[in-house]
Amino acid sequence: MELKNKMGDAWNPIKDDDGTPLNLIFTKSDGYPSKPAAIDLAWRRIIEKYSLPKLNFHALRHSYASFMVSRNANFKIIQEQLGHSDIKMTINTYSHLTQKNKNEASDHFDDFLVTCSIFHHISAHIAP
């Protein structure tokens, strides 16, 4: 928004079908979308400058989505952020389970079994 305010009348963002300006993350100084090659070049420079693992820009998007899933973010929100038209694509692509998620699921099932065992034990002593 700061760039938009600085640009004033020169701000010329791309708009959706209803004429509403799209708030894109990567834009040229006038608000129009950056070319993918320019984004890729900028990303490679960041990787080199900070000695980051060599991931292409799309891998960063995938890492973000996987991270959000591991933090139990709502899949609908992730779908909208990634621009997927169908939530099934988001779920099928990003529903990787981390080891922590697997352990938590096992712990929940263990808790369920303990609870069932306790209720069974109690009901055995209450039954006439």
N, C-alpha and C. Protein backbone atom coordinates (compact mmCIF):
# COMPACT_ATOMS: atom_id res chain seq x y z
N MET A 1 0.82 -1.19 0.00
CA MET A 1 0.00 0.00 0.00
C MET A 1 0.87 1.26 0.00
N GLU A 2 2.05 1.15 0.60
CA GLU A 2 2.94 2.30 0.63
C GLU A 2 3.35 2.68 -0.79
N LEU A 3 3.69 1.68 -1.60
CA LEU A 3 4.07 1.95 -2.99
C LEU A 3 2.90 2.57 -3.74
N LYS A 4 1.70 2.06 -3.52
CA LYS A 4 0.51 2.60 -4.18
C LYS A 4 0.34 4.08 -3.83
N ASN A 5 0.51 4.42 -2.56
CA ASN A 5 0.36 5.82 -2.14
C ASN A 5 1.44 6.71 -2.76
N LYS A 6 2.66 6.20 -2.87
CA LYS A 6 3.75 6.98 -3.46
C LYS A 6 3.53 7.20 -4.95
N MET A 7 2.95 6.20 -5.63
CA MET A 7 2.77 6.27 -7.08
C MET A 7 1.62 7.18 -7.48
N GLY A 8 0.65 7.37 -6.61
CA GLY A 8 -0.48 8.24 -6.94
C GLY A 8 -1.18 7.82 -8.21
N ASP A 9 -1.37 8.76 -9.15
CA ASP A 9 -2.09 8.49 -10.40
C ASP A 9 -1.34 7.54 -11.33
N ALA A 10 -0.04 7.33 -11.09
CA ALA A 10 0.73 6.43 -11.94
C ALA A 10 0.48 4.96 -11.59
N TRP A 11 -0.17 4.72 -10.45
CA TRP A 11 -0.47 3.35 -10.02
C TRP A 11 -1.50 2.77 -10.98
N ASN A 12 -1.14 1.67 -11.62
CA ASN A 12 -1.99 1.09 -12.65
C ASN A 12 -2.05 -0.44 -12.48
N PRO A 13 -2.67 -0.91 -11.39
CA PRO A 13 -2.67 -2.36 -11.15
C PRO A 13 -3.58 -3.10 -12.11
N ILE A 14 -3.31 -4.38 -12.26
CA ILE A 14 -4.20 -5.22 -13.04
C ILE A 14 -5.50 -5.37 -12.23
N LYS A 15 -6.62 -5.55 -12.93
CA LYS A 15 -7.92 -5.62 -12.25
C LYS A 15 -8.63 -6.92 -12.59
N ASP A 16 -9.51 -7.34 -11.68
CA ASP A 16 -10.29 -8.54 -11.95
C ASP A 16 -11.44 -8.22 -12.89
N ASP A 17 -12.29 -9.19 -13.15
CA ASP A 17 -13.39 -9.01 -14.10
C ASP A 17 -14.39 -7.94 -13.68
N ASP A 18 -14.45 -7.67 -12.38
CA ASP A 18 -15.36 -6.64 -11.87
C ASP A 18 -14.72 -5.26 -11.81
N GLY A 19 -13.46 -5.16 -12.20
CA GLY A 19 -12.76 -3.88 -12.17
C GLY A 19 -12.09 -3.57 -10.85
N THR A 20 -12.08 -4.54 -9.93
CA THR A 20 -11.44 -4.34 -8.63
C THR A 20 -9.94 -4.60 -8.77
N PRO A 21 -9.11 -3.65 -8.32
CA PRO A 21 -7.66 -3.86 -8.41
C PRO A 21 -7.21 -5.08 -7.61
N LEU A 22 -6.32 -5.86 -8.20
CA LEU A 22 -5.77 -7.02 -7.51
C LEU A 22 -4.56 -6.59 -6.71
N ASN A 23 -4.48 -7.03 -5.49
CA ASN A 23 -3.34 -6.71 -4.64
C ASN A 23 -2.33 -7.84 -4.75
N LEU A 24 -1.44 -7.71 -5.70
CA LEU A 24 -0.43 -8.72 -5.95
C LEU A 24 0.80 -8.46 -5.10
N ILE A 25 1.52 -9.51 -4.82
CA ILE A 25 2.73 -9.39 -4.01
C ILE A 25 3.89 -8.85 -4.84
N PHE A 26 4.02 -9.33 -6.07
CA PHE A 26 5.14 -8.93 -6.91
C PHE A 26 4.63 -8.08 -8.06
N THR A 27 4.93 -6.80 -7.96
CA THR A 27 4.48 -5.87 -8.99
C THR A 27 5.64 -4.99 -9.42
N LYS A 28 5.46 -4.41 -10.59
CA LYS A 28 6.39 -3.36 -11.03
C LYS A 28 6.02 -2.10 -10.25
N SER A 29 6.77 -1.06 -10.42
CA SER A 29 6.53 0.15 -9.64
C SER A 29 5.17 0.79 -9.92
N ASP A 30 4.52 0.43 -11.04
CA ASP A 30 3.21 1.01 -11.33
C ASP A 30 2.06 0.12 -10.86
N GLY A 31 2.39 -1.01 -10.20
CA GLY A 31 1.36 -1.89 -9.69
C GLY A 31 0.98 -3.01 -10.63
N TYR A 32 1.49 -2.98 -11.85
CA TYR A 32 1.19 -4.05 -12.81
C TYR A 32 2.08 -5.25 -12.49
N PRO A 33 1.63 -6.47 -12.77
CA PRO A 33 2.40 -7.66 -12.37
C PRO A 33 3.81 -7.69 -12.94
N SER A 34 4.73 -8.17 -12.12
CA SER A 34 6.10 -8.39 -12.58
C SER A 34 6.13 -9.60 -13.50
N LYS A 35 7.10 -9.64 -14.38
CA LYS A 35 7.28 -10.80 -15.24
C LYS A 35 7.88 -11.93 -14.41
N PRO A 36 7.45 -13.16 -14.65
CA PRO A 36 7.99 -14.29 -13.89
C PRO A 36 9.51 -14.36 -13.93
N ALA A 37 10.12 -14.06 -15.06
CA ALA A 37 11.58 -14.12 -15.16
C ALA A 37 12.24 -13.11 -14.21
N ALA A 38 11.62 -11.95 -14.02
CA ALA A 38 12.17 -10.93 -13.12
C ALA A 38 12.08 -11.40 -11.67
N ILE A 39 10.98 -12.06 -11.33
CA ILE A 39 10.80 -12.59 -9.98
C ILE A 39 11.84 -13.69 -9.73
N ASP A 40 12.01 -14.56 -10.70
CA ASP A 40 12.97 -15.65 -10.58
C ASP A 40 14.39 -15.13 -10.40
N LEU A 41 14.76 -14.11 -11.17
CA LEU A 41 16.09 -13.52 -11.06
C LEU A 41 16.29 -12.90 -9.67
N ALA A 42 15.29 -12.17 -9.20
CA ALA A 42 15.40 -11.55 -7.87
C ALA A 42 15.53 -12.62 -6.79
N TRP A 43 14.78 -13.71 -6.93
CA TRP A 43 14.84 -14.80 -5.96
C TRP A 43 16.23 -15.45 -5.97
N ARG A 44 16.80 -15.69 -7.16
CA ARG A 44 18.14 -16.29 -7.23
C ARG A 44 19.18 -15.39 -6.58
N ARG A 45 19.03 -14.09 -6.74
CA ARG A 45 19.96 -13.14 -6.10
C ARG A 45 19.86 -13.21 -4.58
N ILE A 46 18.64 -13.35 -4.07
CA ILE A 46 18.44 -13.47 -2.61
C ILE A 46 19.09 -14.75 -2.10
N ILE A 47 18.89 -15.85 -2.82
CA ILE A 47 19.49 -17.13 -2.44
C ILE A 47 21.01 -17.02 -2.36
N GLU A 48 21.60 -16.40 -3.37
CA GLU A 48 23.05 -16.25 -3.38
C GLU A 48 23.53 -15.33 -2.26
N LYS A 49 22.86 -14.21 -2.10
CA LYS A 49 23.28 -13.22 -1.10
C LYS A 49 23.26 -13.79 0.31
N TYR A 50 22.24 -14.59 0.63
CA TYR A 50 22.09 -15.10 1.99
C TYR A 50 22.46 -16.58 2.13
N SER A 51 23.08 -17.15 1.10
CA SER A 51 23.52 -18.55 1.12
C SER A 51 22.39 -19.50 1.53
N LEU A 52 21.24 -19.31 0.93
CA LEU A 52 20.08 -20.15 1.21
C LEU A 52 20.13 -21.41 0.36
N PRO A 53 19.38 -22.44 0.77
CA PRO A 53 19.31 -23.64 -0.07
C PRO A 53 18.77 -23.28 -1.45
N LYS A 54 19.30 -23.91 -2.46
CA LYS A 54 18.91 -23.58 -3.83
C LYS A 54 17.56 -24.20 -4.17
N LEU A 55 16.51 -23.44 -3.92
CA LEU A 55 15.15 -23.82 -4.26
C LEU A 55 14.65 -22.86 -5.33
N ASN A 56 13.90 -23.39 -6.30
CA ASN A 56 13.31 -22.47 -7.24
C ASN A 56 12.13 -21.76 -6.56
N PHE A 57 11.65 -20.73 -7.19
CA PHE A 57 10.63 -19.90 -6.54
C PHE A 57 9.35 -20.70 -6.29
N HIS A 58 9.01 -21.60 -7.20
CA HIS A 58 7.80 -22.40 -7.01
C HIS A 58 7.94 -23.31 -5.79
N ALA A 59 9.14 -23.79 -5.53
CA ALA A 59 9.38 -24.63 -4.35
C ALA A 59 9.13 -23.83 -3.07
N LEU A 60 9.42 -22.53 -3.11
CA LEU A 60 9.15 -21.68 -1.95
C LEU A 60 7.65 -21.62 -1.70
N ARG A 61 6.87 -21.52 -2.74
CA ARG A 61 5.40 -21.52 -2.63
C ARG A 61 4.92 -22.82 -2.00
N HIS A 62 5.48 -23.94 -2.48
CA HIS A 62 5.12 -25.25 -1.95
C HIS A 62 5.51 -25.36 -0.47
N SER A 63 6.69 -24.85 -0.13
CA SER A 63 7.15 -24.89 1.26
C SER A 63 6.22 -24.08 2.15
N TYR A 64 5.81 -22.91 1.67
CA TYR A 64 4.88 -22.07 2.43
C TYR A 64 3.58 -22.82 2.69
N ALA A 65 3.02 -23.42 1.64
CA ALA A 65 1.74 -24.12 1.80
C ALA A 65 1.88 -25.30 2.75
N SER A 66 2.96 -26.05 2.62
CA SER A 66 3.19 -27.19 3.52
C SER A 66 3.35 -26.73 4.96
N PHE A 67 4.05 -25.62 5.14
CA PHE A 67 4.22 -25.06 6.49
C PHE A 67 2.87 -24.66 7.07
N MET A 68 2.03 -24.02 6.28
CA MET A 68 0.71 -23.60 6.77
C MET A 68 -0.13 -24.82 7.15
N VAL A 69 -0.03 -25.89 6.37
CA VAL A 69 -0.75 -27.13 6.70
C VAL A 69 -0.25 -27.68 8.03
N SER A 70 1.08 -27.66 8.23
CA SER A 70 1.65 -28.18 9.48
C SER A 70 1.22 -27.35 10.69
N ARG A 71 0.81 -26.12 10.44
CA ARG A 71 0.34 -25.23 11.51
C ARG A 71 -1.19 -25.25 11.63
N ASN A 72 -1.79 -26.22 10.95
CA ASN A 72 -3.25 -26.41 10.99
C ASN A 72 -4.04 -25.22 10.45
N ALA A 73 -3.48 -24.54 9.47
CA ALA A 73 -4.22 -23.46 8.83
C ALA A 73 -5.39 -24.06 8.05
N ASN A 74 -6.45 -23.32 7.93
CA ASN A 74 -7.63 -23.76 7.21
C ASN A 74 -7.29 -23.94 5.73
N PHE A 75 -7.64 -25.10 5.18
CA PHE A 75 -7.33 -25.38 3.77
C PHE A 75 -8.00 -24.38 2.83
N LYS A 76 -9.15 -23.86 3.20
CA LYS A 76 -9.84 -22.89 2.35
C LYS A 76 -8.99 -21.61 2.22
N ILE A 77 -8.40 -21.21 3.32
CA ILE A 77 -7.54 -20.01 3.29
C ILE A 77 -6.30 -20.27 2.44
N ILE A 78 -5.69 -21.45 2.62
CA ILE A 78 -4.52 -21.78 1.81
C ILE A 78 -4.89 -21.81 0.34
N GLN A 79 -6.04 -22.41 0.03
CA GLN A 79 -6.51 -22.47 -1.37
C GLN A 79 -6.61 -21.07 -1.95
N GLU A 80 -7.24 -20.16 -1.22
CA GLU A 80 -7.41 -18.79 -1.72
C GLU A 80 -6.07 -18.08 -1.88
N GLN A 81 -5.17 -18.28 -0.92
CA GLN A 81 -3.86 -17.63 -1.00
C GLN A 81 -3.06 -18.12 -2.20
N LEU A 82 -3.20 -19.41 -2.52
CA LEU A 82 -2.46 -19.97 -3.65
C LEU A 82 -3.17 -19.73 -4.97
N GLY A 83 -4.43 -19.34 -4.93
CA GLY A 83 -5.18 -19.08 -6.15
C GLY A 83 -5.71 -20.32 -6.84
N HIS A 84 -5.82 -21.42 -6.08
CA HIS A 84 -6.39 -22.64 -6.66
C HIS A 84 -7.89 -22.47 -6.84
N SER A 85 -8.41 -22.88 -7.98
CA SER A 85 -9.85 -22.75 -8.22
C SER A 85 -10.64 -23.81 -7.49
N ASP A 86 -10.02 -24.92 -7.14
CA ASP A 86 -10.70 -26.04 -6.50
C ASP A 86 -9.93 -26.45 -5.25
N ILE A 87 -10.62 -26.53 -4.14
CA ILE A 87 -9.96 -26.88 -2.87
C ILE A 87 -9.39 -28.30 -2.92
N LYS A 88 -9.97 -29.17 -3.76
CA LYS A 88 -9.44 -30.54 -3.87
C LYS A 88 -7.98 -30.52 -4.33
N MET A 89 -7.64 -29.60 -5.20
CA MET A 89 -6.25 -29.50 -5.68
C MET A 89 -5.34 -29.15 -4.51
N THR A 90 -5.76 -28.21 -3.68
CA THR A 90 -4.96 -27.79 -2.54
C THR A 90 -4.78 -28.94 -1.56
N ILE A 91 -5.87 -29.60 -1.24
CA ILE A 91 -5.81 -30.71 -0.28
C ILE A 91 -4.96 -31.85 -0.82
N ASN A 92 -5.17 -32.22 -2.08
CA ASN A 92 -4.41 -33.33 -2.66
C ASN A 92 -2.92 -33.01 -2.78
N THR A 93 -2.59 -31.75 -2.99
CA THR A 93 -1.19 -31.37 -3.18
C THR A 93 -0.46 -31.12 -1.88
N TYR A 94 -1.15 -30.53 -0.89
CA TYR A 94 -0.46 -30.04 0.31
C TYR A 94 -0.84 -30.72 1.60
N SER A 95 -1.47 -31.87 1.54
CA SER A 95 -1.87 -32.52 2.78
C SER A 95 -0.81 -33.49 3.28
N HIS A 96 0.44 -33.18 3.03
CA HIS A 96 1.54 -34.00 3.54
C HIS A 96 1.47 -34.00 5.07
N LEU A 97 1.67 -35.16 5.62
CA LEU A 97 1.70 -35.25 7.08
C LEU A 97 3.14 -35.25 7.56
N THR A 98 3.43 -34.36 8.47
CA THR A 98 4.76 -34.36 9.08
C THR A 98 4.78 -35.45 10.14
N GLN A 99 5.95 -35.83 10.58
CA GLN A 99 6.06 -36.85 11.63
C GLN A 99 5.35 -36.37 12.89
N LYS A 100 5.45 -35.09 13.17
CA LYS A 100 4.78 -34.54 14.35
C LYS A 100 3.26 -34.74 14.22
N ASN A 101 2.70 -34.47 13.04
CA ASN A 101 1.27 -34.65 12.83
C ASN A 101 0.88 -36.12 13.01
N LYS A 102 1.71 -37.02 12.50
CA LYS A 102 1.43 -38.45 12.65
C LYS A 102 1.45 -38.84 14.12
N ASN A 103 2.43 -38.34 14.87
CA ASN A 103 2.52 -38.65 16.29
C ASN A 103 1.32 -38.10 17.05
N GLU A 104 0.91 -36.88 16.71
CA GLU A 104 -0.25 -36.29 17.37
C GLU A 104 -1.51 -37.11 17.10
N ALA A 105 -1.67 -37.57 15.86
CA ALA A 105 -2.84 -38.39 15.52
C ALA A 105 -2.82 -39.69 16.32
N SER A 106 -1.64 -40.30 16.46
CA SER A 106 -1.53 -41.51 17.26
C SER A 106 -1.85 -41.23 18.72
N ASP A 107 -1.38 -40.10 19.22
CA ASP A 107 -1.67 -39.73 20.61
C ASP A 107 -3.17 -39.54 20.83
N HIS A 108 -3.86 -38.93 19.87
CA HIS A 108 -5.31 -38.75 19.99
C HIS A 108 -6.01 -40.10 20.04
N PHE A 109 -5.56 -41.03 19.21
CA PHE A 109 -6.18 -42.35 19.20
C PHE A 109 -5.88 -43.09 20.51
N ASP A 110 -4.66 -42.94 21.02
CA ASP A 110 -4.32 -43.54 22.33
C ASP A 110 -5.23 -42.99 23.41
N ASP A 111 -5.45 -41.67 23.41
CA ASP A 111 -6.35 -41.05 24.39
C ASP A 111 -7.75 -41.62 24.27
N PHE A 112 -8.19 -41.81 23.03
CA PHE A 112 -9.52 -42.38 22.79
C PHE A 112 -9.62 -43.79 23.38
N LEU A 113 -8.58 -44.61 23.15
CA LEU A 113 -8.59 -45.98 23.66
C LEU A 113 -8.58 -46.00 25.18
N VAL A 114 -7.79 -45.13 25.80
CA VAL A 114 -7.76 -45.04 27.26
C VAL A 114 -9.13 -44.63 27.79
N THR A 115 -9.75 -43.66 27.15
CA THR A 115 -11.08 -43.21 27.56
C THR A 115 -12.08 -44.36 27.44
N CYS A 116 -12.04 -45.09 26.35
CA CYS A 116 -12.95 -46.23 26.16
C CYS A 116 -12.72 -47.27 27.24
N SER A 117 -11.46 -47.52 27.56
CA SER A 117 -11.12 -48.50 28.58
C SER A 117 -11.65 -48.08 29.95
N ILE A 118 -11.50 -46.80 30.26
CA ILE A 118 -11.99 -46.28 31.55
C ILE A 118 -13.50 -46.42 31.62
N PHE A 119 -14.22 -46.03 30.55
CA PHE A 119 -15.67 -46.14 30.54
C PHE A 119 -16.12 -47.59 30.64
N HIS A 120 -15.39 -48.48 29.99
CA HIS A 120 -15.73 -49.90 30.05
C HIS A 120 -15.56 -50.41 31.47
N HIS A 121 -14.46 -50.02 32.11
CA HIS A 121 -14.18 -50.43 33.49
C HIS A 121 -15.25 -49.90 34.44
N ILE A 122 -15.62 -48.63 34.28
CA ILE A 122 -16.64 -48.02 35.14
C ILE A 122 -17.98 -48.70 34.92
N SER A 123 -18.37 -48.87 33.67
CA SER A 123 -19.68 -49.46 33.39
C SER A 123 -19.77 -50.89 33.88
N ALA A 124 -18.66 -51.61 33.92
CA ALA A 124 -18.66 -53.00 34.42
C ALA A 124 -18.99 -53.03 35.90
N HIS A 125 -18.62 -51.98 36.62
CA HIS A 125 -18.89 -51.93 38.06
C HIS A 125 -20.26 -51.35 38.37
N ILE A 126 -20.85 -50.66 37.43
CA ILE A 126 -22.15 -50.03 37.64
C ILE A 126 -23.29 -50.96 37.23
N ALA A 127 -23.02 -51.79 36.26
CA ALA A 127 -24.08 -52.64 35.70
C ALA A 127 -24.69 -53.51 36.80
N PRO A 128 -26.04 -53.70 36.71
CA PRO A 128 -26.73 -54.50 37.75
C PRO A 128 -26.41 -55.97 37.68
